[in-house]
Protein backbone atom coordinates (compact mmCIF):
# COMPACT_ATOMS: atom_id res chain seq x y z
CA GLU A 1 -4.54 9.43 33.39
CA GLU A 2 -7.18 10.28 30.79
CA TYR A 3 -4.37 11.53 28.49
CA ASP A 4 -2.58 8.12 28.87
CA LYS A 5 -5.81 6.19 27.86
CA THR A 6 -6.37 8.46 24.88
CA LYS A 7 -2.76 8.12 23.74
CA ALA A 8 -2.82 4.35 24.03
CA SER A 9 -6.17 4.24 22.13
CA ASP A 10 -4.70 6.46 19.46
CA GLU A 11 -1.57 4.36 19.17
CA GLU A 12 -3.70 1.28 18.79
CA ASN A 13 -5.82 2.93 16.05
CA VAL A 14 -2.59 3.84 14.25
CA ARG A 15 -1.29 0.29 14.49
CA PHE A 16 -4.49 -1.09 13.20
CA ALA A 17 -4.74 1.34 10.30
CA SER A 18 -1.09 0.57 9.36
CA LYS A 19 -1.72 -3.15 9.44
CA TYR A 20 -4.89 -2.74 7.38
CA LEU A 21 -2.91 -0.73 4.90
CA ARG A 22 -0.10 -3.17 4.53
CA GLU A 23 -2.22 -6.39 4.55
CA THR A 24 -5.27 -5.25 2.68
CA VAL A 25 -5.04 -2.04 0.73
CA ILE A 26 -1.50 -2.70 -0.65
CA ARG A 27 -2.40 -6.27 -1.52
CA MET A 28 -5.54 -5.12 -3.41
CA LEU A 29 -3.37 -2.59 -5.31
CA ILE A 30 -1.07 -5.35 -6.45
CA ILE A 31 -4.00 -7.39 -7.50
CA GLU A 32 -5.15 -4.52 -9.58
CA PHE A 33 -1.71 -4.34 -11.17
CA THR A 34 -1.88 -8.06 -12.02
CA THR A 35 -5.30 -7.75 -13.62
CA LEU A 36 -4.19 -4.52 -15.45
CA ALA A 37 -7.10 -2.68 -13.85
CA VAL A 38 -4.40 -0.16 -12.92
CA SER A 39 -1.36 0.27 -15.04
CA PRO A 40 0.66 3.34 -14.06
CA VAL A 41 3.04 4.50 -16.91
CA ASP A 42 5.15 6.87 -14.95
CA GLY A 43 5.98 8.10 -11.48
CA THR A 44 3.27 10.73 -11.51
CA SER A 45 0.53 8.27 -12.41
CA LEU A 46 1.92 5.75 -9.86
CA THR A 47 1.83 8.41 -7.16
CA ALA A 48 -1.69 9.41 -8.01
CA THR A 49 -2.85 5.75 -8.05
CA MET A 50 -1.37 5.15 -4.60
CA HIS A 51 -2.65 8.38 -3.13
CA ARG A 52 -6.18 7.65 -4.36
CA ARG A 53 -6.10 4.45 -2.35
CA GLY A 54 -4.69 6.24 0.67
CA ILE A 55 -1.16 4.76 0.29
CA ASN A 56 1.65 7.10 1.00
CA MET A 57 4.77 6.93 -1.25
CA ARG A 58 6.80 5.77 1.83
CA TYR A 59 5.16 2.47 1.23
CA LEU A 60 6.64 2.07 -2.35
CA GLY A 61 9.50 -0.07 -1.05
CA ILE A 62 7.07 -2.44 0.57
CA ILE A 63 5.09 -2.70 -2.77
CA ALA A 64 8.27 -3.26 -4.74
CA ASN A 65 9.40 -6.00 -2.38
CA ILE A 66 6.02 -7.76 -2.57
CA VAL A 67 5.98 -7.49 -6.33
CA ASN A 68 9.45 -8.93 -6.56
CA GLU A 69 8.70 -11.79 -4.22
CA LEU A 70 5.67 -12.76 -6.21
CA GLU A 71 7.67 -13.55 -9.45
CA ASP A 72 4.27 -13.12 -11.28
CA HIS A 73 4.88 -12.36 -15.04
CA LYS A 74 1.70 -10.38 -14.98
CA LEU A 75 3.55 -7.83 -12.98
CA ASP A 76 6.46 -7.38 -15.35
CA HIS A 77 4.93 -4.08 -16.68
CA ILE A 78 5.55 -2.41 -13.27
CA LYS A 79 8.89 -3.81 -12.30
């Protein structure tokens, strides 16, 4: 029973962290791209930029989709 409570709590924490990452951290990274506060020039610098913010490379597709949906010309340098 205690295991089930701990497992449920852990799963809830993971869901919260994932939601925070998608809705806050990734959005902030995209804002940094638009303001040129961050401008990765290659895959290595993009990876480092994402990892410094706690974003795993598996989220790259989500970032690419958001950037493409925004149609913001300030993001052309990362498309």
